[in-house]
Protein backbone atom coordinates (compact mmCIF):
# COMPACT_ATOMS: atom_id res chain seq x y z
CA MET A 1 240.20 138.60 227.33
CA SER A 2 240.18 140.22 223.86
CA GLU A 3 244.00 140.18 223.83
CA VAL A 4 243.97 136.38 223.97
CA PHE A 5 241.70 136.15 220.91
CA GLN A 6 244.09 138.33 218.89
CA TYR A 7 246.95 135.91 219.43
CA LEU A 8 244.63 132.99 218.80
CA ASP A 9 243.65 134.44 215.38
CA ILE A 10 247.31 134.76 214.41
CA LEU A 11 248.00 131.21 215.58
CA ILE A 12 245.08 129.81 213.53
CA LEU A 13 246.23 131.69 210.40
CA ALA A 14 249.77 130.37 210.87
CA VAL A 15 248.49 126.78 211.11
CA VAL A 16 246.37 127.25 207.95
CA ALA A 17 249.39 128.71 206.08
CA ALA A 18 251.58 125.79 207.20
CA LEU A 19 248.98 123.27 206.01
CA VAL A 20 248.73 125.01 202.63
CA LEU A 21 252.53 124.98 202.23
CA LEU A 22 252.75 121.30 203.16
CA ARG A 23 249.99 120.45 200.70
CA LEU A 24 251.75 122.40 197.93
CA ARG A 25 255.01 120.60 198.68
CA SER A 26 253.34 117.20 198.45
CA VAL A 27 251.64 118.09 195.16
CA LEU A 28 254.56 119.84 193.48
CA GLY A 29 257.35 117.82 195.05
CA ARG A 30 260.81 119.01 195.88
CA ARG A 31 264.12 119.09 194.05
CA THR A 32 266.40 116.20 194.84
CA GLY A 33 269.04 116.83 192.19
CA HIS A 34 268.15 113.66 190.29
CA GLU A 35 265.58 115.29 187.97
CA LYS A 36 265.88 114.70 184.26
CA THR A 37 266.58 117.83 182.28
CA ASP A 38 264.70 118.57 179.10
CA PRO A 39 267.26 118.12 176.32
CA SER A 40 265.34 120.30 173.88
CA ARG A 41 265.44 123.21 176.29
CA PHE A 42 269.05 124.10 175.55
CA ALA A 43 269.53 122.38 172.22
CA TYR A 44 270.25 124.51 169.16
CA GLU A 45 269.89 122.98 165.77
CA GLN A 46 271.74 124.45 162.86
CA PRO A 47 269.35 125.33 160.07
CA GLN A 48 269.90 123.20 157.03
CA LYS A 49 271.24 125.04 154.03
CA ASN A 50 269.55 124.49 150.71
CA LYS A 51 271.49 122.49 148.25
CA ASP A 52 271.75 123.81 144.71
CA GLU A 53 269.88 120.80 143.43
CA ASP A 54 266.85 121.68 145.58
CA VAL A 55 266.55 125.21 144.19
CA ILE A 56 264.46 125.73 141.10
CA LYS A 57 265.68 128.65 139.06
CA ILE A 58 263.01 130.77 137.41
CA LYS A 59 263.65 133.42 134.82
CA PRO A 60 262.63 136.84 136.07
CA ILE A 61 259.64 138.13 134.15
CA ILE A 62 259.14 141.30 136.14
CA ASN A 63 260.81 143.48 133.54
CA HIS A 64 259.16 141.67 130.64
CA LYS A 65 257.23 144.14 128.53
CA PRO A 66 254.98 142.70 125.88
CA LYS A 67 255.88 143.34 122.31
CA ALA A 68 253.50 145.30 120.14
CA ASN A 69 250.26 143.33 119.73
CA GLU A 70 251.61 140.33 121.64
CA TRP A 71 248.42 139.96 123.64
CA PHE A 72 246.87 143.43 123.54
CA GLU A 73 244.58 144.44 120.71
CA LYS A 74 244.12 148.20 120.67
CA ASP A 75 240.95 148.17 118.55
CA ASP A 76 239.26 145.54 120.72
CA PHE A 77 240.19 147.49 123.84
CA LEU A 78 238.77 150.76 122.50
CA LYS A 79 235.57 149.03 121.36
CA GLY A 80 235.14 147.41 124.78
CA ALA A 81 235.84 150.70 126.57
CA SER A 82 233.25 152.48 124.40
CA ASN A 83 230.65 149.80 125.10
CA ALA A 84 231.38 149.91 128.84
CA TYR A 85 231.07 153.71 128.85
CA GLU A 86 227.72 153.55 127.06
CA LEU A 87 226.48 150.87 129.46
CA ILE A 88 227.57 152.85 132.54
CA VAL A 89 226.08 156.15 131.35
CA THR A 90 222.73 154.70 130.27
CA ASN A 91 222.30 152.61 133.44
CA PHE A 92 223.23 155.59 135.59
CA GLU A 93 220.53 157.58 133.81
CA THR A 94 217.90 154.89 134.45
CA GLY A 95 219.13 154.25 138.01
CA ASN A 96 219.87 150.54 137.45
CA LYS A 97 222.32 149.83 140.28
CA GLN A 98 222.61 146.10 139.62
CA ALA A 99 223.87 146.63 136.08
CA LEU A 100 226.40 149.24 137.25
CA LYS A 101 227.93 147.22 140.07
CA PRO A 102 230.27 144.93 138.03
CA PHE A 103 231.76 147.87 136.14
CA LEU A 104 232.50 150.29 139.00
CA SER A 105 234.84 150.29 141.97
CA ASP A 106 233.30 150.42 145.44
CA SER A 107 233.99 154.13 145.96
CA VAL A 108 232.58 155.14 142.56
CA MET A 109 229.57 152.86 143.03
CA LYS A 110 228.88 154.47 146.40
CA SER A 111 228.87 157.97 144.92
CA PHE A 112 226.66 156.81 142.01
CA GLU A 113 224.20 155.26 144.49
CA GLU A 114 224.10 158.49 146.51
CA VAL A 115 223.22 160.52 143.41
CA ILE A 116 220.59 158.00 142.29
CA GLU A 117 218.99 158.00 145.76
CA GLN A 118 219.11 161.80 145.89
CA ARG A 119 217.33 162.00 142.53
CA LYS A 120 214.63 159.62 143.78
CA ALA A 121 214.21 161.59 147.00
CA ASN A 122 213.86 164.87 145.10
CA GLU A 123 211.61 163.18 142.51
CA GLU A 124 213.91 164.32 139.71
CA LYS A 125 213.86 162.69 136.30
CA VAL A 126 216.76 162.62 133.85
CA GLU A 127 216.12 162.76 130.14
CA PHE A 128 219.06 161.34 128.28
CA ASN A 129 219.74 160.23 124.72
CA PHE A 130 223.01 158.48 124.07
CA ILE A 131 223.93 159.04 120.44
CA GLY A 132 227.32 157.40 120.42
CA ILE A 133 231.03 158.02 120.77
CA GLU A 134 232.64 159.97 117.95
CA SER A 135 236.16 158.79 118.58
CA SER A 136 238.27 157.25 121.29
CA GLU A 137 241.98 156.98 121.75
CA ILE A 138 244.52 155.79 124.27
CA VAL A 139 246.22 158.85 125.73
CA ASN A 140 248.60 157.14 128.14
CA LYS A 141 249.49 153.57 128.93
CA ASP A 142 251.45 152.13 131.78
CA LEU A 143 252.20 148.54 132.57
């Protein structure tokens, strides 16, 4: 009796598979040879070449080096650098992180913050008197 049920299971599965295949065929259709082909599928368009009139020629300014004092004032630069140095050193001494932030890169600011926090944790106090900068000069310049 159990042998009959085995064949019956196979027969039921075959009928279900046939119904699924017929349903797929009705939904998807079948090829008749009269289908329209997609013209863009095999089409290759030549890229259009730029005409000389469409190109705007720009003079290369990469190798342009400014002439002496064209836009750079040495004295103003040294004065600004001295002021920035004084501002950075005095605010580092007081622990004013907000005033330091615009003048320092992220990596330098991070190390300054670590030292300031370490001083606070150790309850250390810095006594500092900024007298001034005796002289400043440009040692090397690179554009």
